[in-house]
C-alpha atoms as a PDB file:
ATOM      1  CA  UNK A   1     -67.322  27.768 -19.907  1.00  0.00           C
ATOM      2  CA  UNK A   2     -64.869  30.160 -21.678  1.00  0.00           C
ATOM      3  CA  UNK A   3     -62.768  29.140 -24.516  1.00  0.00           C
ATOM      4  CA  UNK A   4     -59.016  29.858 -25.211  1.00  0.00           C
ATOM      5  CA  UNK A   5     -59.503  30.502 -28.910  1.00  0.00           C
ATOM      6  CA  UNK A   6     -58.829  34.455 -28.428  1.00  0.00           C
ATOM      7  CA  UNK A   7     -55.476  33.618 -26.744  1.00  0.00           C
ATOM      8  CA  UNK A   8     -53.963  30.657 -28.113  1.00  0.00           C
ATOM      9  CA  UNK A   9     -50.496  29.464 -26.520  1.00  0.00           C
ATOM     10  CA  UNK A  10     -47.516  29.695 -29.182  1.00  0.00           C
ATOM     11  CA  UNK A  11     -45.853  26.428 -29.644  1.00  0.00           C
ATOM     12  CA  UNK A  12     -42.316  26.310 -28.340  1.00  0.00           C
ATOM     13  CA  UNK A  13     -39.747  26.125 -31.261  1.00  0.00           C
ATOM     14  CA  UNK A  14     -38.270  22.889 -31.977  1.00  0.00           C
ATOM     15  CA  UNK A  15     -34.685  22.406 -30.661  1.00  0.00           C
ATOM     16  CA  UNK A  16     -32.247  20.537 -33.245  1.00  0.00           C
ATOM     17  CA  UNK A  17     -29.269  19.665 -32.179  1.00  0.00           C
ATOM     18  CA  UNK A  18     -26.160  19.077 -35.015  1.00  0.00           C
ATOM     19  CA  UNK A  19     -23.028  17.971 -34.583  1.00  0.00           C
ATOM     20  CA  UNK A  20     -20.051  20.282 -34.923  1.00  0.00           C
ATOM     21  CA  UNK A  21     -17.844  19.685 -37.822  1.00  0.00           C
ATOM     22  CA  UNK A  22     -14.989  17.938 -36.856  1.00  0.00           C
ATOM     23  CA  UNK A  23     -11.814  19.592 -37.360  1.00  0.00           C
ATOM     24  CA  UNK A  24      -9.134  18.264 -40.010  1.00  0.00           C
ATOM     25  CA  UNK A  25      -5.979  19.702 -41.296  1.00  0.00           C
ATOM     26  CA  UNK A  26      -4.679  23.061 -39.668  1.00  0.00           C
ATOM     27  CA  UNK A  27      -8.045  23.464 -38.200  1.00  0.00           C
ATOM     28  CA  UNK A  28      -6.839  20.830 -35.398  1.00  0.00           C
ATOM     29  CA  UNK A  29      -4.056  22.929 -34.164  1.00  0.00           C
ATOM     30  CA  UNK A  30      -7.160  25.761 -33.146  1.00  0.00           C
ATOM     31  CA  UNK A  31      -9.577  23.751 -31.306  1.00  0.00           C
ATOM     32  CA  UNK A  32      -9.605  23.313 -27.745  1.00  0.00           C
ATOM     33  CA  UNK A  33     -10.224  19.531 -27.089  1.00  0.00           C
ATOM     34  CA  UNK A  34      -7.862  18.541 -30.288  1.00  0.00           C
ATOM     35  CA  UNK A  35      -4.785  20.863 -28.900  1.00  0.00           C
ATOM     36  CA  UNK A  36      -4.653  18.729 -26.161  1.00  0.00           C
ATOM     37  CA  UNK A  37      -3.372  15.936 -28.086  1.00  0.00           C
ATOM     38  CA  UNK A  38       0.184  17.585 -27.810  1.00  0.00           C
ATOM     39  CA  UNK A  39       0.526  17.711 -24.389  1.00  0.00           C
ATOM     40  CA  UNK A  40      -1.008  14.033 -23.683  1.00  0.00           C
ATOM     41  CA  UNK A  41       1.809  12.582 -26.549  1.00  0.00           C
ATOM     42  CA  UNK A  42       4.406  14.707 -24.770  1.00  0.00           C
ATOM     43  CA  UNK A  43       3.778  13.634 -21.112  1.00  0.00           C
ATOM     44  CA  UNK A  44       2.755   9.950 -22.154  1.00  0.00           C
ATOM     45  CA  UNK A  45       5.886   9.797 -24.210  1.00  0.00           C
ATOM     46  CA  UNK A  46       7.664  11.025 -20.818  1.00  0.00           C
ATOM     47  CA  UNK A  47       6.289   8.498 -18.701  1.00  0.00           C
ATOM     48  CA  UNK A  48       7.563   5.800 -21.397  1.00  0.00           C
ATOM     49  CA  UNK A  49      10.990   7.368 -21.070  1.00  0.00           C
ATOM     50  CA  UNK A  50      10.899   7.402 -16.993  1.00  0.00           C
ATOM     51  CA  UNK A  51       9.951   3.984 -16.258  1.00  0.00           C
ATOM     52  CA  UNK A  52      12.547   3.088 -19.194  1.00  0.00           C
ATOM     53  CA  UNK A  53      14.811   4.553 -17.079  1.00  0.00           C
ATOM     54  CA  UNK A  54      14.205   2.774 -13.885  1.00  0.00           C
ATOM     55  CA  UNK A  55      15.092  -0.419 -15.797  1.00  0.00           C
ATOM     56  CA  UNK A  56      11.671  -1.616 -15.390  1.00  0.00           C
ATOM     57  CA  UNK A  57      11.598  -2.493 -11.580  1.00  0.00           C
ATOM     58  CA  UNK A  58       9.179  -3.983 -10.319  1.00  0.00           C
ATOM     59  CA  UNK A  59       8.514  -5.726 -13.747  1.00  0.00           C
ATOM     60  CA  UNK A  60       4.570  -6.397 -13.077  1.00  0.00           C
ATOM     61  CA  UNK A  61       2.864  -2.687 -11.810  1.00  0.00           C
ATOM     62  CA  UNK A  62       5.825  -1.103 -14.262  1.00  0.00           C
ATOM     63  CA  UNK A  63       5.347  -3.241 -17.215  1.00  0.00           C
ATOM     64  CA  UNK A  64       1.620  -2.212 -16.929  1.00  0.00           C
ATOM     65  CA  UNK A  65       2.724   1.410 -16.957  1.00  0.00           C
ATOM     66  CA  UNK A  66       5.005   1.069 -19.905  1.00  0.00           C
ATOM     67  CA  UNK A  67       2.063  -0.777 -21.938  1.00  0.00           C
ATOM     68  CA  UNK A  68      -0.096   1.837 -21.028  1.00  0.00           C
ATOM     69  CA  UNK A  69       2.261   4.601 -21.933  1.00  0.00           C
ATOM     70  CA  UNK A  70       3.298   2.858 -25.175  1.00  0.00           C
ATOM     71  CA  UNK A  71      -0.618   2.396 -26.133  1.00  0.00           C
ATOM     72  CA  UNK A  72      -1.707   5.537 -25.601  1.00  0.00           C
ATOM     73  CA  UNK A  73       1.350   7.489 -26.935  1.00  0.00           C
ATOM     74  CA  UNK A  74       0.840   5.519 -30.234  1.00  0.00           C
ATOM     75  CA  UNK A  75      -2.746   5.806 -30.825  1.00  0.00           C
ATOM     76  CA  UNK A  76      -2.922   8.957 -29.669  1.00  0.00           C
ATOM     77  CA  UNK A  77      -0.638  10.059 -32.404  1.00  0.00           C
ATOM     78  CA  UNK A  78      -2.407   8.086 -35.129  1.00  0.00           C
ATOM     79  CA  UNK A  79      -5.427   9.634 -33.621  1.00  0.00           C
ATOM     80  CA  UNK A  80      -3.872  12.794 -34.259  1.00  0.00           C
ATOM     81  CA  UNK A  81      -2.839  11.915 -38.113  1.00  0.00           C
ATOM     82  CA  UNK A  82      -6.000  10.815 -38.855  1.00  0.00           C
ATOM     83  CA  UNK A  83      -7.501  13.969 -37.618  1.00  0.00           C
ATOM     84  CA  UNK A  84      -4.789  16.126 -39.262  1.00  0.00           C
ATOM     85  CA  UNK A  85      -5.056  14.065 -42.430  1.00  0.00           C
ATOM     86  CA  UNK A  86      -8.871  14.515 -42.820  1.00  0.00           C
ATOM     87  CA  UNK A  87      -9.688  10.590 -43.035  1.00  0.00           C
ATOM     88  CA  UNK A  88     -12.997  11.157 -40.615  1.00  0.00           C
ATOM     89  CA  UNK A  89     -14.768  12.677 -43.259  1.00  0.00           C
ATOM     90  CA  UNK A  90     -16.917  14.530 -40.537  1.00  0.00           C
ATOM     91  CA  UNK A  91     -18.882  11.652 -40.363  1.00  0.00           C
ATOM     92  CA  UNK A  92     -20.706  11.083 -36.387  1.00  0.00           C
ATOM     93  CA  UNK A  93     -18.874   7.671 -35.912  1.00  0.00           C
ATOM     94  CA  UNK A  94     -16.086   9.266 -35.538  1.00  0.00           C
ATOM     95  CA  UNK A  95     -17.039  11.707 -32.938  1.00  0.00           C
ATOM     96  CA  UNK A  96     -18.528   8.800 -31.164  1.00  0.00           C
ATOM     97  CA  UNK A  97     -14.534   6.736 -31.452  1.00  0.00           C
ATOM     98  CA  UNK A  98     -12.718   9.909 -30.141  1.00  0.00           C
ATOM     99  CA  UNK A  99     -15.110   9.574 -26.838  1.00  0.00           C
ATOM    100  CA  UNK A 100     -14.354   6.457 -26.410  1.00  0.00           C
ATOM    101  CA  UNK A 101     -10.839   6.585 -26.693  1.00  0.00           C
ATOM    102  CA  UNK A 102     -10.421   9.571 -24.439  1.00  0.00           C
ATOM    103  CA  UNK A 103     -12.610   7.541 -21.859  1.00  0.00           C
ATOM    104  CA  UNK A 104     -10.429   4.367 -22.497  1.00  0.00           C
ATOM    105  CA  UNK A 105      -6.935   6.391 -22.187  1.00  0.00           C
ATOM    106  CA  UNK A 106      -8.302   8.327 -19.152  1.00  0.00           C
ATOM    107  CA  UNK A 107      -9.173   4.817 -17.461  1.00  0.00           C
ATOM    108  CA  UNK A 108      -5.855   3.311 -18.552  1.00  0.00           C
ATOM    109  CA  UNK A 109      -3.742   6.316 -17.449  1.00  0.00           C
ATOM    110  CA  UNK A 110      -5.847   6.624 -14.179  1.00  0.00           C
ATOM    111  CA  UNK A 111      -5.221   2.679 -13.383  1.00  0.00           C
ATOM    112  CA  UNK A 112      -1.269   3.475 -14.433  1.00  0.00           C
ATOM    113  CA  UNK A 113      -1.009   6.387 -12.116  1.00  0.00           C
ATOM    114  CA  UNK A 114      -2.399   4.417  -9.289  1.00  0.00           C
ATOM    115  CA  UNK A 115       0.019   1.537  -9.741  1.00  0.00           C
ATOM    116  CA  UNK A 116       3.161   3.760 -10.743  1.00  0.00           C
ATOM    117  CA  UNK A 117       2.190   5.226  -7.018  1.00  0.00           C
ATOM    118  CA  UNK A 118       2.120   2.289  -5.281  1.00  0.00           C
ATOM    119  CA  UNK A 119       5.557   1.057  -6.845  1.00  0.00           C
ATOM    120  CA  UNK A 120       6.900   4.831  -6.012  1.00  0.00           C
ATOM    121  CA  UNK A 121       5.620   4.444  -1.915  1.00  0.00           C
ATOM    122  CA  UNK A 122       7.732   1.148  -1.944  1.00  0.00           C
ATOM    123  CA  UNK A 123      10.578   2.416  -3.290  1.00  0.00           C
ATOM    124  CA  UNK A 124      11.069   5.024  -0.932  1.00  0.00           C
ATOM    125  CA  UNK A 125      13.120   3.073   1.793  1.00  0.00           C
ATOM    126  CA  UNK A 126      14.121   0.769  -0.769  1.00  0.00           C
ATOM    127  CA  UNK A 127      17.665   2.252  -1.220  1.00  0.00           C
ATOM    128  CA  UNK A 128      17.693   3.158  -4.541  1.00  0.00           C
ATOM    129  CA  UNK A 129      17.073   7.305  -4.442  1.00  0.00           C
ATOM    130  CA  UNK A 130      17.669   7.419  -8.195  1.00  0.00           C
ATOM    131  CA  UNK A 131      14.994   5.223  -9.023  1.00  0.00           C
ATOM    132  CA  UNK A 132      12.718   7.087  -6.707  1.00  0.00           C
ATOM    133  CA  UNK A 133      13.008  10.291  -7.989  1.00  0.00           C
ATOM    134  CA  UNK A 134      12.628   8.927 -11.522  1.00  0.00           C
ATOM    135  CA  UNK A 135       9.158   7.276 -10.331  1.00  0.00           C
ATOM    136  CA  UNK A 136       8.297  10.219  -8.875  1.00  0.00           C
ATOM    137  CA  UNK A 137       8.305  12.669 -11.910  1.00  0.00           C
ATOM    138  CA  UNK A 138       7.008   9.690 -14.007  1.00  0.00           C
ATOM    139  CA  UNK A 139       3.847   9.960 -11.680  1.00  0.00           C
ATOM    140  CA  UNK A 140       3.265  13.086 -11.867  1.00  0.00           C
ATOM    141  CA  UNK A 141       3.878  12.581 -15.385  1.00  0.00           C
ATOM    142  CA  UNK A 142       0.838  10.026 -15.724  1.00  0.00           C
ATOM    143  CA  UNK A 143      -1.135  12.063 -13.631  1.00  0.00           C
ATOM    144  CA  UNK A 144      -1.478  14.657 -16.684  1.00  0.00           C
ATOM    145  CA  UNK A 145      -2.397  12.381 -19.407  1.00  0.00           C
ATOM    146  CA  UNK A 146      -5.027  10.863 -16.919  1.00  0.00           C
ATOM    147  CA  UNK A 147      -6.493  14.205 -16.680  1.00  0.00           C
ATOM    148  CA  UNK A 148      -6.033  15.218 -20.612  1.00  0.00           C
ATOM    149  CA  UNK A 149      -8.308  12.995 -22.087  1.00  0.00           C
ATOM    150  CA  UNK A 150     -11.449  13.914 -19.745  1.00  0.00           C
ATOM    151  CA  UNK A 151     -11.122  17.626 -21.046  1.00  0.00           C
ATOM    152  CA  UNK A 152     -11.717  16.943 -24.310  1.00  0.00           C
ATOM    153  CA  UNK A 153     -14.336  14.484 -23.750  1.00  0.00           C
ATOM    154  CA  UNK A 154     -16.038  17.106 -21.816  1.00  0.00           C
ATOM    155  CA  UNK A 155     -15.857  20.159 -24.451  1.00  0.00           C
ATOM    156  CA  UNK A 156     -16.641  18.040 -27.496  1.00  0.00           C
ATOM    157  CA  UNK A 157     -19.785  15.338 -26.097  1.00  0.00           C
ATOM    158  CA  UNK A 158     -21.126  16.971 -22.900  1.00  0.00           C
ATOM    159  CA  UNK A 159     -20.620  21.407 -23.289  1.00  0.00           C
ATOM    160  CA  UNK A 160     -22.630  21.091 -26.849  1.00  0.00           C
ATOM    161  CA  UNK A 161     -25.341  19.006 -25.192  1.00  0.00           C
ATOM    162  CA  UNK A 162     -25.198  21.488 -22.099  1.00  0.00           C
ATOM    163  CA  UNK A 163     -25.252  24.523 -24.349  1.00  0.00           C
ATOM    164  CA  UNK A 164     -28.176  23.233 -26.281  1.00  0.00           C
ATOM    165  CA  UNK A 165     -30.467  21.875 -23.128  1.00  0.00           C
ATOM    166  CA  UNK A 166     -29.677  25.435 -21.751  1.00  0.00           C
ATOM    167  CA  UNK A 167     -30.894  27.191 -24.738  1.00  0.00           C
ATOM    168  CA  UNK A 168     -34.177  24.812 -24.902  1.00  0.00           C
ATOM    169  CA  UNK A 169     -34.814  25.886 -21.677  1.00  0.00           C
ATOM    170  CA  UNK A 170     -34.112  29.767 -21.931  1.00  0.00           C
ATOM    171  CA  UNK A 171     -36.534  29.843 -25.183  1.00  0.00           C
ATOM    172  CA  UNK A 172     -39.333  28.403 -22.999  1.00  0.00           C
ATOM    173  CA  UNK A 173     -39.306  30.600 -20.407  1.00  0.00           C
ATOM    174  CA  UNK A 174     -39.452  33.252 -22.616  1.00  0.00           C
ATOM    175  CA  UNK A 175     -42.345  31.729 -24.355  1.00  0.00           C
ATOM    176  CA  UNK A 176     -43.749  30.954 -21.407  1.00  0.00           C
END
């Protein structure tokens, strides 16, 4: 039986995944995931205004849409201030909190868009065409922030993880 000591297999290099530095100050305005805060604020505020113009009729589903849009608008504004001021001190807990908030905002906006779409369908033949038009605009505006929080989450959490796995597999294949 021959020994493999003459041709030892090189050890695969250990892959260390480090968390990218969280942006602070003006750098928030230059990174793609964080740049999406602005459209989220704009469209979240538009939903708030458009639904308020319908005099919040009917109250139950429209009240939920108003609550979601106000909560997410205020929270996104405060969240962006935290990052602009650099209060996160580049700690990994803030990245996890960012992920959790964007996931929660996406679920809230999605539920608000479904209930608002139902109200809009019910208003189609109700006789008040102006409220119907305002609700159509609000449905469009609430769908955009429903999708926007998913993008930063994917870009900030999933993309680096996928890249590190791909790099790890590439290195393993190169050494094989």
